[in-house]
Structure formats: C-alpha cells, structure tokens
Amino acid sequence: MGFYTGHVLPRVIDAVCGMKTSRPLRSRVCEGLTGRVLEIGFGSGHNVPFYPPSVTEVAAVEPSDTAWRLARKRVGNSPVPVLRAGVDGQSLPFDDDTFDSALSTWTLCTIPDADAALREVLRVLKPGGTLHFLEHGLAPAADEHVRRRQRRLDPLQQRLFGGCHLTRRPAEMVAAAGFALGPVDVFYEEGAPKFLAADSLGTAAAPTG
C-alpha cells in the first residue's frame, strides 16, 4: 500500500464523507438496526452517531489503519461497543448466523470483489437479519447522458479513489447475492455532481428458510 493510498486517501475520504449533507442519509440508513451489527467499510466512523438505541454492539470491518485512527474519537464517544473485528469484507472472520443486522455505506463501490463480500455478509447474518445499505453507482436508465459520463470517468475514478467504481448497480448486486430486497430509494444527492451521486438506499433480508 503506497503513501497516497495508505495515508492521504483515508483523510480525503474522511473529509468528503463527513460533510453535513450526508448526515440525514446516514440517519435514514441506520434506522431499524438492531442487536449485534456488522458494519463493512467502517471508514472513520461517521455512522457512529446515528446508531439507534436498539444496537447492542458493532463489529467494524475496515482495512485502513489510518481510517481507524481517524475514527478513534467517534468510537470513544459511541454509546455502544465498537470493535475493529476484520479488515477484509470479502473474507469475514465470523461464524455463520452471527449478526442481527449489517450496515454498508458507500462501500460496495470500492471492494474489489463486492459480490463475494455480499455473500459473506449474507453468511454471517442470522436468518431474517437485515442489511441496510446506502451506496452510489450507475445512474438511472433515464439519465443515459449521466451514465455515459460515468463510464468515461470510471477508470480515472478508480485510480484516484482507491478502486472506487462509478458504474456498479448496488441494489441488483444485493439481490443477486441472495438477499430478499426491500424497497429501495434511488436519488441524486443534493449539491453533488450527478455522476458521483446516484445513490440507492434500502434494506434487504437474509432468507429464513
């Protein structure tokens, strides 16, 4: 891991992901989390203030040591225990049926094998457990002009932002992993360029049978 990826990029992401405009979205996606929660792509902990009282503990999966250090104050102020419990969402160090809920915010765009990570999340969720996700990706089909720009800029985006893709389809990926997809809100974040801000916010359940 180079200096930029290991030390500079986590600080850039901390600043971008800490903008005030993201707070209402974080609050929405955290609604309904309960019990033991797995959070993949924990980053620097910007979701911590939005964990509802029904959460009893959080297992944070985060590959970046720098991001984890940046999260120290938020983790210290958390009303529930937050432990760094893994570094690779594609291979989770937990038994099957361990967690009641899972959380992923602006993470699936960057994981090299996001499909494998989703299958791992499904494995460690209890039957009926829910994945809460807030992810950016390919713009709606009606906005083909935005999609064209995303496809053109995707290689540059990956080089500058640690492998972040602009053209993944998060809701389709969640469903393909075996989750029962619930309602998904698709929208553009206010104040951000559309090619960066086509978001999908929703929940999906692990099968019960």
N, C-alpha and C. Protein backbone atom coordinates (compact mmCIF):
# COMPACT_ATOMS: atom_id res chain seq x y z
N MET A 1 0.85 -1.19 0.00
CA MET A 1 0.00 0.00 0.00
C MET A 1 0.89 1.24 0.00
N GLY A 2 0.71 2.13 -1.00
CA GLY A 2 1.53 3.30 -1.11
C GLY A 2 1.14 4.40 -0.13
N PHE A 3 1.97 5.44 -0.09
CA PHE A 3 1.73 6.55 0.84
C PHE A 3 0.39 7.21 0.57
N TYR A 4 0.09 7.46 -0.71
CA TYR A 4 -1.19 8.12 -1.04
C TYR A 4 -2.37 7.27 -0.59
N THR A 5 -2.36 5.98 -0.94
CA THR A 5 -3.47 5.10 -0.60
C THR A 5 -3.57 4.87 0.90
N GLY A 6 -2.42 4.74 1.55
CA GLY A 6 -2.43 4.40 2.96
C GLY A 6 -2.65 5.56 3.90
N HIS A 7 -2.21 6.77 3.48
CA HIS A 7 -2.23 7.89 4.42
C HIS A 7 -3.01 9.11 3.93
N VAL A 8 -2.92 9.43 2.65
CA VAL A 8 -3.60 10.62 2.14
C VAL A 8 -5.07 10.34 1.84
N LEU A 9 -5.33 9.27 1.08
CA LEU A 9 -6.69 8.98 0.65
C LEU A 9 -7.66 8.81 1.82
N PRO A 10 -7.31 8.09 2.91
CA PRO A 10 -8.26 7.99 4.02
C PRO A 10 -8.66 9.33 4.61
N ARG A 11 -7.75 10.29 4.59
CA ARG A 11 -8.06 11.62 5.11
C ARG A 11 -8.98 12.38 4.15
N VAL A 12 -8.75 12.19 2.85
CA VAL A 12 -9.65 12.80 1.86
C VAL A 12 -11.05 12.24 2.02
N ILE A 13 -11.15 10.92 2.15
CA ILE A 13 -12.46 10.27 2.29
C ILE A 13 -13.13 10.69 3.60
N ASP A 14 -12.34 10.82 4.66
CA ASP A 14 -12.90 11.28 5.94
C ASP A 14 -13.54 12.64 5.79
N ALA A 15 -12.88 13.54 5.07
CA ALA A 15 -13.43 14.88 4.88
C ALA A 15 -14.67 14.86 3.99
N VAL A 16 -14.60 14.13 2.89
CA VAL A 16 -15.74 14.09 1.96
C VAL A 16 -16.95 13.43 2.60
N CYS A 17 -16.72 12.32 3.28
CA CYS A 17 -17.83 11.57 3.88
C CYS A 17 -18.35 12.21 5.16
N GLY A 18 -17.63 13.21 5.66
CA GLY A 18 -18.09 13.89 6.86
C GLY A 18 -18.89 15.15 6.59
N MET A 19 -19.21 15.41 5.34
CA MET A 19 -19.97 16.62 5.03
C MET A 19 -21.38 16.56 5.62
N LYS A 20 -21.89 17.72 5.99
CA LYS A 20 -23.20 17.80 6.65
C LYS A 20 -24.31 17.20 5.80
N THR A 21 -24.18 17.30 4.48
CA THR A 21 -25.25 16.80 3.61
C THR A 21 -25.45 15.30 3.73
N SER A 22 -24.42 14.58 4.20
CA SER A 22 -24.55 13.12 4.32
C SER A 22 -25.26 12.70 5.60
N ARG A 23 -25.38 13.58 6.56
CA ARG A 23 -25.90 13.18 7.87
C ARG A 23 -27.35 12.71 7.82
N PRO A 24 -28.25 13.41 7.14
CA PRO A 24 -29.62 12.88 7.08
C PRO A 24 -29.69 11.51 6.41
N LEU A 25 -28.84 11.27 5.44
CA LEU A 25 -28.83 9.97 4.76
C LEU A 25 -28.31 8.88 5.70
N ARG A 26 -27.28 9.20 6.46
CA ARG A 26 -26.77 8.22 7.44
C ARG A 26 -27.83 7.91 8.49
N SER A 27 -28.54 8.93 8.92
CA SER A 27 -29.61 8.71 9.88
C SER A 27 -30.68 7.77 9.32
N ARG A 28 -31.05 7.98 8.06
CA ARG A 28 -32.07 7.15 7.43
C ARG A 28 -31.62 5.70 7.31
N VAL A 29 -30.41 5.49 6.86
CA VAL A 29 -29.97 4.11 6.60
C VAL A 29 -29.76 3.34 7.89
N CYS A 30 -29.47 4.03 8.97
CA CYS A 30 -29.26 3.35 10.26
C CYS A 30 -30.56 3.04 10.98
N GLU A 31 -31.67 3.60 10.54
CA GLU A 31 -32.96 3.32 11.18
C GLU A 31 -33.26 1.83 11.10
N GLY A 32 -33.63 1.25 12.24
CA GLY A 32 -34.00 -0.16 12.26
C GLY A 32 -32.87 -1.12 12.54
N LEU A 33 -31.64 -0.65 12.59
CA LEU A 33 -30.54 -1.53 13.01
C LEU A 33 -30.80 -2.02 14.42
N THR A 34 -30.47 -3.27 14.67
CA THR A 34 -30.76 -3.83 15.98
C THR A 34 -29.75 -4.90 16.36
N GLY A 35 -29.55 -5.08 17.68
CA GLY A 35 -28.72 -6.17 18.17
C GLY A 35 -27.26 -6.03 17.79
N ARG A 36 -26.65 -7.17 17.48
CA ARG A 36 -25.25 -7.19 17.04
C ARG A 36 -25.20 -6.78 15.58
N VAL A 37 -24.41 -5.76 15.28
CA VAL A 37 -24.35 -5.19 13.93
C VAL A 37 -22.96 -5.37 13.34
N LEU A 38 -22.92 -5.81 12.11
CA LEU A 38 -21.70 -5.86 11.32
C LEU A 38 -21.69 -4.65 10.40
N GLU A 39 -20.64 -3.84 10.48
CA GLU A 39 -20.51 -2.72 9.54
C GLU A 39 -19.28 -2.94 8.68
N ILE A 40 -19.50 -3.12 7.38
CA ILE A 40 -18.38 -3.27 6.46
C ILE A 40 -18.03 -1.91 5.89
N GLY A 41 -16.74 -1.67 5.68
CA GLY A 41 -16.32 -0.36 5.21
C GLY A 41 -16.60 0.71 6.25
N PHE A 42 -16.20 0.44 7.48
CA PHE A 42 -16.47 1.33 8.61
C PHE A 42 -15.87 2.71 8.40
N GLY A 43 -14.75 2.77 7.70
CA GLY A 43 -14.11 4.06 7.44
C GLY A 43 -13.65 4.71 8.72
N SER A 44 -13.93 6.01 8.85
CA SER A 44 -13.53 6.75 10.05
C SER A 44 -14.70 6.97 11.00
N GLY A 45 -15.74 6.15 10.85
CA GLY A 45 -16.78 6.10 11.88
C GLY A 45 -17.88 7.13 11.80
N HIS A 46 -18.16 7.64 10.61
CA HIS A 46 -19.18 8.69 10.51
C HIS A 46 -20.60 8.20 10.79
N ASN A 47 -20.81 6.89 10.79
CA ASN A 47 -22.15 6.38 11.11
C ASN A 47 -22.40 6.26 12.61
N VAL A 48 -21.34 6.29 13.40
CA VAL A 48 -21.47 6.01 14.84
C VAL A 48 -22.53 6.86 15.52
N PRO A 49 -22.62 8.18 15.26
CA PRO A 49 -23.63 8.97 15.97
C PRO A 49 -25.07 8.61 15.63
N PHE A 50 -25.25 7.80 14.59
CA PHE A 50 -26.61 7.51 14.12
C PHE A 50 -27.08 6.09 14.47
N TYR A 51 -26.25 5.32 15.20
CA TYR A 51 -26.71 4.01 15.63
C TYR A 51 -27.90 4.19 16.57
N PRO A 52 -29.02 3.49 16.32
CA PRO A 52 -30.18 3.63 17.21
C PRO A 52 -29.95 2.89 18.53
N PRO A 53 -30.76 3.20 19.55
CA PRO A 53 -30.59 2.56 20.87
C PRO A 53 -30.74 1.05 20.85
N SER A 54 -31.37 0.52 19.80
CA SER A 54 -31.57 -0.93 19.71
C SER A 54 -30.30 -1.69 19.37
N VAL A 55 -29.24 -1.00 18.99
CA VAL A 55 -27.95 -1.63 18.68
C VAL A 55 -27.22 -1.94 19.99
N THR A 56 -26.71 -3.15 20.13
CA THR A 56 -26.00 -3.54 21.35
C THR A 56 -24.49 -3.56 21.18
N GLU A 57 -24.00 -3.84 19.99
CA GLU A 57 -22.57 -3.80 19.71
C GLU A 57 -22.35 -3.78 18.21
N VAL A 58 -21.18 -3.28 17.80
CA VAL A 58 -20.85 -3.17 16.38
C VAL A 58 -19.49 -3.80 16.12
N ALA A 59 -19.43 -4.69 15.15
CA ALA A 59 -18.17 -5.24 14.65
C ALA A 59 -17.80 -4.48 13.39
N ALA A 60 -16.72 -3.74 13.45
CA ALA A 60 -16.32 -2.87 12.35
C ALA A 60 -15.28 -3.57 11.48
N VAL A 61 -15.54 -3.63 10.19
CA VAL A 61 -14.59 -4.19 9.23
C VAL A 61 -14.01 -3.03 8.43
N GLU A 62 -12.72 -2.79 8.59
CA GLU A 62 -12.08 -1.64 7.95
C GLU A 62 -10.63 -1.96 7.65
N PRO A 63 -10.23 -1.92 6.38
CA PRO A 63 -8.85 -2.28 6.02
C PRO A 63 -7.81 -1.21 6.34
N SER A 64 -8.23 0.04 6.47
CA SER A 64 -7.26 1.13 6.59
C SER A 64 -6.94 1.44 8.06
N ASP A 65 -5.67 1.30 8.43
CA ASP A 65 -5.25 1.68 9.77
C ASP A 65 -5.43 3.18 10.00
N THR A 66 -5.19 3.97 8.97
CA THR A 66 -5.33 5.42 9.10
C THR A 66 -6.79 5.80 9.36
N ALA A 67 -7.70 5.19 8.63
CA ALA A 67 -9.11 5.47 8.85
C ALA A 67 -9.53 5.09 10.26
N TRP A 68 -9.03 3.95 10.73
CA TRP A 68 -9.38 3.52 12.09
C TRP A 68 -8.85 4.51 13.13
N ARG A 69 -7.65 5.04 12.91
CA ARG A 69 -7.13 6.06 13.83
C ARG A 69 -7.98 7.32 13.79
N LEU A 70 -8.42 7.71 12.61
CA LEU A 70 -9.28 8.89 12.48
C LEU A 70 -10.63 8.68 13.17
N ALA A 71 -11.03 7.42 13.32
CA ALA A 71 -12.32 7.11 13.95
C ALA A 71 -12.23 7.08 15.47
N ARG A 72 -11.04 7.23 16.03
CA ARG A 72 -10.83 6.98 17.46
C ARG A 72 -11.80 7.78 18.34
N LYS A 73 -11.95 9.07 18.08
CA LYS A 73 -12.80 9.90 18.93
C LYS A 73 -14.26 9.49 18.81
N ARG A 74 -14.71 9.21 17.59
CA ARG A 74 -16.11 8.80 17.40
C ARG A 74 -16.37 7.47 18.09
N VAL A 75 -15.44 6.55 17.94
CA VAL A 75 -15.59 5.24 18.60
C VAL A 75 -15.61 5.42 20.11
N GLY A 76 -14.74 6.29 20.62
CA GLY A 76 -14.68 6.53 22.06
C GLY A 76 -15.95 7.14 22.61
N ASN A 77 -16.66 7.91 21.78
CA ASN A 77 -17.90 8.55 22.21
C ASN A 77 -19.13 7.70 21.94
N SER A 78 -18.95 6.52 21.36
CA SER A 78 -20.10 5.69 21.00
C SER A 78 -20.78 5.15 22.25
N PRO A 79 -22.12 5.18 22.29
CA PRO A 79 -22.84 4.61 23.43
C PRO A 79 -22.84 3.09 23.45
N VAL A 80 -22.41 2.47 22.35
CA VAL A 80 -22.34 1.00 22.29
C VAL A 80 -20.91 0.60 21.93
N PRO A 81 -20.48 -0.58 22.33
CA PRO A 81 -19.12 -1.02 21.99
C PRO A 81 -18.93 -1.15 20.48
N VAL A 82 -17.83 -0.60 19.99
CA VAL A 82 -17.45 -0.73 18.58
C VAL A 82 -16.04 -1.30 18.54
N LEU A 83 -15.90 -2.48 17.95
CA LEU A 83 -14.62 -3.15 17.90
C LEU A 83 -14.21 -3.37 16.45
N ARG A 84 -12.95 -3.11 16.15
CA ARG A 84 -12.44 -3.43 14.82
C ARG A 84 -12.23 -4.94 14.76
N ALA A 85 -13.05 -5.60 13.97
CA ALA A 85 -13.10 -7.06 14.01
C ALA A 85 -12.71 -7.72 12.71
N GLY A 86 -12.20 -6.95 11.76
CA GLY A 86 -11.80 -7.52 10.49
C GLY A 86 -11.29 -6.44 9.56
N VAL A 87 -10.57 -6.86 8.52
CA VAL A 87 -10.01 -5.90 7.58
C VAL A 87 -10.42 -6.19 6.13
N ASP A 88 -11.13 -7.29 5.90
CA ASP A 88 -11.45 -7.69 4.52
C ASP A 88 -12.90 -8.16 4.45
N GLY A 89 -13.74 -7.35 3.83
CA GLY A 89 -15.15 -7.71 3.69
C GLY A 89 -15.38 -8.93 2.83
N GLN A 90 -14.39 -9.32 2.03
CA GLN A 90 -14.54 -10.48 1.16
C GLN A 90 -14.30 -11.79 1.89
N SER A 91 -13.74 -11.72 3.11
CA SER A 91 -13.46 -12.92 3.90
C SER A 91 -13.63 -12.54 5.37
N LEU A 92 -14.84 -12.70 5.89
CA LEU A 92 -15.15 -12.24 7.23
C LEU A 92 -14.80 -13.31 8.27
N PRO A 93 -14.16 -12.91 9.37
CA PRO A 93 -13.71 -13.87 10.38
C PRO A 93 -14.78 -14.19 11.42
N PHE A 94 -15.99 -14.50 10.96
CA PHE A 94 -17.10 -14.76 11.87
C PHE A 94 -17.80 -16.05 11.48
N ASP A 95 -18.44 -16.67 12.48
CA ASP A 95 -19.22 -17.86 12.22
C ASP A 95 -20.51 -17.50 11.48
N ASP A 96 -21.11 -18.50 10.87
CA ASP A 96 -22.41 -18.31 10.25
C ASP A 96 -23.43 -17.84 11.29
N ASP A 97 -24.41 -17.06 10.83
CA ASP A 97 -25.56 -16.67 11.66
C ASP A 97 -25.13 -15.95 12.94
N THR A 98 -24.20 -15.01 12.82
CA THR A 98 -23.66 -14.32 13.98
C THR A 98 -24.38 -13.00 14.28
N PHE A 99 -24.79 -12.27 13.23
CA PHE A 99 -25.25 -10.90 13.42
C PHE A 99 -26.75 -10.74 13.15
N ASP A 100 -27.33 -9.77 13.86
CA ASP A 100 -28.74 -9.44 13.67
C ASP A 100 -28.95 -8.47 12.51
N SER A 101 -27.98 -7.60 12.27
CA SER A 101 -28.08 -6.58 11.23
C SER A 101 -26.70 -6.34 10.63
N ALA A 102 -26.69 -5.75 9.45
CA ALA A 102 -25.44 -5.35 8.80
C ALA A 102 -25.64 -3.99 8.16
N LEU A 103 -24.55 -3.26 8.02
CA LEU A 103 -24.60 -1.90 7.50
C LEU A 103 -23.46 -1.69 6.51
N SER A 104 -23.80 -1.07 5.39
CA SER A 104 -22.80 -0.71 4.38
C SER A 104 -23.15 0.64 3.79
N THR A 105 -22.24 1.61 3.94
CA THR A 105 -22.49 2.94 3.38
C THR A 105 -21.32 3.35 2.50
N TRP A 106 -21.61 3.56 1.22
CA TRP A 106 -20.62 3.98 0.24
C TRP A 106 -19.37 3.10 0.31
N THR A 107 -19.61 1.79 0.29
CA THR A 107 -18.55 0.80 0.45
C THR A 107 -18.47 -0.15 -0.73
N LEU A 108 -19.61 -0.60 -1.24
CA LEU A 108 -19.62 -1.61 -2.30
C LEU A 108 -18.95 -1.12 -3.58
N CYS A 109 -18.84 0.19 -3.73
CA CYS A 109 -18.19 0.74 -4.92
C CYS A 109 -16.70 0.42 -4.96
N THR A 110 -16.10 0.16 -3.79
CA THR A 110 -14.65 0.07 -3.69
C THR A 110 -14.13 -1.34 -3.46
N ILE A 111 -14.89 -2.20 -2.81
CA ILE A 111 -14.42 -3.56 -2.53
C ILE A 111 -14.13 -4.26 -3.86
N PRO A 112 -12.93 -4.81 -4.02
CA PRO A 112 -12.58 -5.42 -5.31
C PRO A 112 -13.59 -6.47 -5.78
N ASP A 113 -13.98 -7.38 -4.90
CA ASP A 113 -14.99 -8.38 -5.24
C ASP A 113 -16.21 -8.15 -4.35
N ALA A 114 -17.01 -7.18 -4.73
CA ALA A 114 -18.17 -6.80 -3.91
C ALA A 114 -19.19 -7.93 -3.84
N ASP A 115 -19.28 -8.73 -4.89
CA ASP A 115 -20.23 -9.86 -4.87
C ASP A 115 -19.83 -10.86 -3.78
N ALA A 116 -18.54 -11.14 -3.66
CA ALA A 116 -18.06 -12.04 -2.62
C ALA A 116 -18.33 -11.46 -1.24
N ALA A 117 -18.14 -10.15 -1.10
CA ALA A 117 -18.39 -9.51 0.19
C ALA A 117 -19.86 -9.62 0.59
N LEU A 118 -20.75 -9.44 -0.36
CA LEU A 118 -22.17 -9.55 -0.05
C LEU A 118 -22.55 -10.97 0.33
N ARG A 119 -21.95 -11.94 -0.34
CA ARG A 119 -22.22 -13.33 0.05
C ARG A 119 -21.71 -13.62 1.46
N GLU A 120 -20.59 -13.02 1.82
CA GLU A 120 -20.07 -13.17 3.17
C GLU A 120 -21.01 -12.51 4.19
N VAL A 121 -21.50 -11.33 3.88
CA VAL A 121 -22.45 -10.66 4.78
C VAL A 121 -23.68 -11.54 4.97
N LEU A 122 -24.17 -12.09 3.89
CA LEU A 122 -25.34 -12.97 3.97
C LEU A 122 -25.05 -14.19 4.85
N ARG A 123 -23.85 -14.72 4.73
CA ARG A 123 -23.48 -15.90 5.52
C ARG A 123 -23.50 -15.62 7.01
N VAL A 124 -23.00 -14.46 7.41
CA VAL A 124 -22.85 -14.19 8.84
C VAL A 124 -24.10 -13.55 9.46
N LEU A 125 -25.08 -13.18 8.63
CA LEU A 125 -26.34 -12.68 9.17
C LEU A 125 -27.22 -13.85 9.61
N LYS A 126 -27.95 -13.63 10.68
CA LYS A 126 -28.94 -14.63 11.11
C LYS A 126 -30.08 -14.66 10.10
N PRO A 127 -30.78 -15.79 9.97
CA PRO A 127 -31.97 -15.81 9.09
C PRO A 127 -32.94 -14.70 9.46
N GLY A 128 -33.35 -13.95 8.47
CA GLY A 128 -34.23 -12.82 8.70
C GLY A 128 -33.51 -11.54 9.08
N GLY A 129 -32.19 -11.62 9.31
CA GLY A 129 -31.42 -10.43 9.60
C GLY A 129 -31.39 -9.49 8.41
N THR A 130 -31.17 -8.21 8.67
CA THR A 130 -31.29 -7.22 7.60
C THR A 130 -29.98 -6.52 7.29
N LEU A 131 -29.74 -6.33 6.02
CA LEU A 131 -28.65 -5.50 5.52
C LEU A 131 -29.22 -4.12 5.19
N HIS A 132 -28.64 -3.09 5.77
CA HIS A 132 -29.01 -1.71 5.48
C HIS A 132 -27.90 -1.13 4.60
N PHE A 133 -28.26 -0.59 3.45
CA PHE A 133 -27.22 -0.11 2.54
C PHE A 133 -27.55 1.26 1.98
N LEU A 134 -26.49 2.03 1.79
CA LEU A 134 -26.53 3.34 1.14
C LEU A 134 -25.31 3.40 0.25
N GLU A 135 -25.53 3.29 -1.05
CA GLU A 135 -24.42 3.13 -1.99
C GLU A 135 -24.63 4.00 -3.23
N HIS A 136 -23.53 4.48 -3.78
CA HIS A 136 -23.64 5.17 -5.07
C HIS A 136 -23.29 4.21 -6.19
N GLY A 137 -23.76 4.53 -7.38
CA GLY A 137 -23.48 3.66 -8.51
C GLY A 137 -24.00 4.23 -9.80
N LEU A 138 -24.34 3.34 -10.71
CA LEU A 138 -24.77 3.75 -12.04
C LEU A 138 -26.06 4.55 -11.96
N ALA A 139 -26.12 5.63 -12.70
CA ALA A 139 -27.30 6.50 -12.71
C ALA A 139 -28.51 5.75 -13.28
N PRO A 140 -29.73 6.24 -13.00
CA PRO A 140 -30.93 5.60 -13.56
C PRO A 140 -30.89 5.56 -15.09
N ALA A 141 -31.57 4.56 -15.64
CA ALA A 141 -31.55 4.36 -17.09
C ALA A 141 -32.06 5.57 -17.85
N ALA A 142 -32.95 6.33 -17.24
CA ALA A 142 -33.50 7.51 -17.92
C ALA A 142 -32.43 8.59 -18.14
N ASP A 143 -31.35 8.53 -17.38
CA ASP A 143 -30.30 9.54 -17.49
C ASP A 143 -29.08 8.96 -18.21
N GLU A 144 -29.27 8.59 -19.44
CA GLU A 144 -28.19 7.96 -20.20
C GLU A 144 -27.00 8.90 -20.36
N HIS A 145 -27.25 10.20 -20.41
CA HIS A 145 -26.14 11.15 -20.54
C HIS A 145 -25.23 11.11 -19.30
N VAL A 146 -25.84 10.89 -18.13
CA VAL A 146 -25.04 10.75 -16.90
C VAL A 146 -24.28 9.43 -16.93
N ARG A 147 -24.94 8.37 -17.39
CA ARG A 147 -24.28 7.06 -17.48
C ARG A 147 -23.06 7.13 -18.41
N ARG A 148 -23.20 7.81 -19.53
CA ARG A 148 -22.07 7.92 -20.45
C ARG A 148 -20.89 8.60 -19.77
N ARG A 149 -21.17 9.64 -19.01
CA ARG A 149 -20.09 10.34 -18.31
C ARG A 149 -19.47 9.43 -17.25
N GLN A 150 -20.30 8.66 -16.56
CA GLN A 150 -19.78 7.74 -15.56
C GLN A 150 -18.85 6.71 -16.18
N ARG A 151 -19.26 6.15 -17.30
CA ARG A 151 -18.43 5.14 -17.95
C ARG A 151 -17.10 5.75 -18.42
N ARG A 152 -17.15 6.98 -18.89
CA ARG A 152 -15.94 7.64 -19.37
C ARG A 152 -14.97 7.94 -18.22
N LEU A 153 -15.51 8.33 -17.06
CA LEU A 153 -14.67 8.74 -15.94
C LEU A 153 -14.32 7.60 -14.99
N ASP A 154 -14.93 6.44 -15.17
CA ASP A 154 -14.75 5.34 -14.23
C ASP A 154 -13.28 4.94 -14.05
N PRO A 155 -12.49 4.79 -15.11
CA PRO A 155 -11.08 4.40 -14.90
C PRO A 155 -10.31 5.43 -14.07
N LEU A 156 -10.56 6.72 -14.31
CA LEU A 156 -9.88 7.76 -13.54
C LEU A 156 -10.33 7.73 -12.09
N GLN A 157 -11.63 7.55 -11.88
CA GLN A 157 -12.16 7.47 -10.52
C GLN A 157 -11.50 6.34 -9.73
N GLN A 158 -11.33 5.20 -10.38
CA GLN A 158 -10.71 4.06 -9.70
C GLN A 158 -9.27 4.36 -9.32
N ARG A 159 -8.54 5.04 -10.19
CA ARG A 159 -7.14 5.35 -9.89
C ARG A 159 -7.00 6.35 -8.76
N LEU A 160 -7.88 7.34 -8.72
CA LEU A 160 -7.75 8.42 -7.75
C LEU A 160 -8.34 8.07 -6.39
N PHE A 161 -9.34 7.20 -6.38
CA PHE A 161 -10.09 6.96 -5.14
C PHE A 161 -10.08 5.49 -4.72
N GLY A 162 -8.93 4.88 -4.79
CA GLY A 162 -8.73 3.57 -4.20
C GLY A 162 -9.57 2.46 -4.77
N GLY A 163 -9.85 2.51 -6.08
CA GLY A 163 -10.63 1.46 -6.72
C GLY A 163 -12.11 1.71 -6.75
N CYS A 164 -12.55 2.90 -6.37
CA CYS A 164 -13.98 3.23 -6.36
C CYS A 164 -14.55 3.22 -7.79
N HIS A 165 -15.64 2.47 -7.98
CA HIS A 165 -16.31 2.37 -9.27
C HIS A 165 -17.53 3.30 -9.32
N LEU A 166 -17.78 3.85 -10.48
CA LEU A 166 -18.96 4.69 -10.68
C LEU A 166 -20.13 3.93 -11.29
N THR A 167 -19.89 2.72 -11.79
CA THR A 167 -20.88 2.07 -12.65
C THR A 167 -21.46 0.78 -12.06
N ARG A 168 -21.21 0.51 -10.80
CA ARG A 168 -21.82 -0.67 -10.20
C ARG A 168 -23.30 -0.41 -9.91
N ARG A 169 -24.07 -1.50 -9.79
CA ARG A 169 -25.52 -1.41 -9.56
C ARG A 169 -25.81 -2.05 -8.20
N PRO A 170 -25.75 -1.27 -7.14
CA PRO A 170 -25.77 -1.85 -5.79
C PRO A 170 -27.01 -2.67 -5.46
N ALA A 171 -28.20 -2.20 -5.80
CA ALA A 171 -29.40 -2.95 -5.45
C ALA A 171 -29.44 -4.29 -6.18
N GLU A 172 -29.04 -4.29 -7.45
CA GLU A 172 -29.00 -5.54 -8.20
C GLU A 172 -27.97 -6.50 -7.62
N MET A 173 -26.86 -5.97 -7.16
CA MET A 173 -25.82 -6.81 -6.56
C MET A 173 -26.31 -7.45 -5.26
N VAL A 174 -27.02 -6.67 -4.46
CA VAL A 174 -27.56 -7.19 -3.20
C VAL A 174 -28.54 -8.32 -3.48
N ALA A 175 -29.43 -8.12 -4.44
CA ALA A 175 -30.39 -9.17 -4.77
C ALA A 175 -29.71 -10.40 -5.32
N ALA A 176 -28.69 -10.21 -6.16
CA ALA A 176 -28.00 -11.34 -6.78
C ALA A 176 -27.24 -12.18 -5.75
N ALA A 177 -26.88 -11.58 -4.62
CA ALA A 177 -26.16 -12.30 -3.58
C ALA A 177 -27.06 -13.24 -2.80
N GLY A 178 -28.39 -13.09 -2.96
CA GLY A 178 -29.32 -13.98 -2.28
C GLY A 178 -30.21 -13.32 -1.26
N PHE A 179 -30.11 -12.01 -1.12
CA PHE A 179 -30.97 -11.27 -0.20
C PHE A 179 -32.36 -11.07 -0.80
N ALA A 180 -33.35 -10.95 0.07
CA ALA A 180 -34.69 -10.53 -0.34
C ALA A 180 -34.73 -9.01 -0.26
N LEU A 181 -34.72 -8.39 -1.41
CA LEU A 181 -34.60 -6.94 -1.49
C LEU A 181 -35.90 -6.27 -1.08
N GLY A 182 -35.82 -5.30 -0.18
CA GLY A 182 -36.96 -4.49 0.21
C GLY A 182 -37.04 -3.25 -0.66
N PRO A 183 -37.86 -2.26 -0.26
CA PRO A 183 -37.95 -1.02 -1.03
C PRO A 183 -36.60 -0.32 -1.10
N VAL A 184 -36.28 0.22 -2.27
CA VAL A 184 -35.02 0.93 -2.48
C VAL A 184 -35.33 2.33 -3.01
N ASP A 185 -34.80 3.32 -2.34
CA ASP A 185 -34.96 4.70 -2.77
C ASP A 185 -33.75 5.07 -3.63
N VAL A 186 -34.00 5.47 -4.87
CA VAL A 186 -32.93 5.86 -5.79
C VAL A 186 -33.04 7.36 -6.02
N PHE A 187 -31.94 8.07 -5.84
CA PHE A 187 -31.99 9.53 -5.90
C PHE A 187 -30.58 10.08 -6.13
N TYR A 188 -30.51 11.35 -6.43
CA TYR A 188 -29.23 12.05 -6.51
C TYR A 188 -29.02 12.86 -5.23
N GLU A 189 -27.82 12.77 -4.70
CA GLU A 189 -27.50 13.59 -3.53
C GLU A 189 -27.50 15.07 -3.92
N GLU A 190 -28.06 15.88 -3.06
CA GLU A 190 -28.08 17.31 -3.31
C GLU A 190 -26.67 17.89 -3.21
N GLY A 191 -26.39 18.80 -4.11
CA GLY A 191 -25.13 19.53 -4.05
C GLY A 191 -23.93 18.80 -4.59
N ALA A 192 -24.14 17.63 -5.20
CA ALA A 192 -23.02 16.85 -5.73
C ALA A 192 -23.24 16.59 -7.22
N PRO A 193 -22.18 16.47 -8.00
CA PRO A 193 -22.34 16.14 -9.43
C PRO A 193 -23.07 14.82 -9.59
N LYS A 194 -23.97 14.76 -10.54
CA LYS A 194 -24.79 13.57 -10.70
C LYS A 194 -23.98 12.32 -10.97
N PHE A 195 -22.87 12.44 -11.67
CA PHE A 195 -22.11 11.23 -11.99
C PHE A 195 -21.49 10.61 -10.74
N LEU A 196 -21.36 11.39 -9.67
CA LEU A 196 -20.82 10.88 -8.41
C LEU A 196 -21.91 10.53 -7.40
N ALA A 197 -23.13 10.95 -7.63
CA ALA A 197 -24.12 11.00 -6.56
C ALA A 197 -25.42 10.28 -6.84
N ALA A 198 -25.39 9.25 -7.68
CA ALA A 198 -26.60 8.46 -7.92
C ALA A 198 -26.68 7.39 -6.84
N ASP A 199 -27.47 7.64 -5.82
CA ASP A 199 -27.49 6.79 -4.62
C ASP A 199 -28.66 5.83 -4.62
N SER A 200 -28.44 4.71 -3.94
CA SER A 200 -29.51 3.74 -3.66
C SER A 200 -29.49 3.48 -2.15
N LEU A 201 -30.64 3.68 -1.50
CA LEU A 201 -30.75 3.50 -0.06
C LEU A 201 -31.88 2.50 0.20
N GLY A 202 -31.58 1.42 0.91
CA GLY A 202 -32.61 0.43 1.15
C GLY A 202 -32.19 -0.61 2.16
N THR A 203 -33.03 -1.61 2.31
CA THR A 203 -32.75 -2.74 3.18
C THR A 203 -33.02 -4.03 2.42
N ALA A 204 -32.42 -5.10 2.89
CA ALA A 204 -32.61 -6.41 2.30
C ALA A 204 -32.48 -7.44 3.41
N ALA A 205 -33.23 -8.52 3.32
CA ALA A 205 -33.27 -9.51 4.39
C ALA A 205 -32.62 -10.82 3.98
N ALA A 206 -31.96 -11.44 4.95
CA ALA A 206 -31.41 -12.78 4.74
C ALA A 206 -32.57 -13.79 4.74
N PRO A 207 -32.54 -14.78 3.87
CA PRO A 207 -33.63 -15.75 3.82
C PRO A 207 -33.83 -16.45 5.16
N THR A 208 -35.07 -16.83 5.42
CA THR A 208 -35.40 -17.50 6.68
C THR A 208 -35.54 -19.02 6.53
N GLY A 209 -35.53 -19.50 5.31
CA GLY A 209 -35.71 -20.94 5.14
C GLY A 209 -34.73 -21.51 4.13
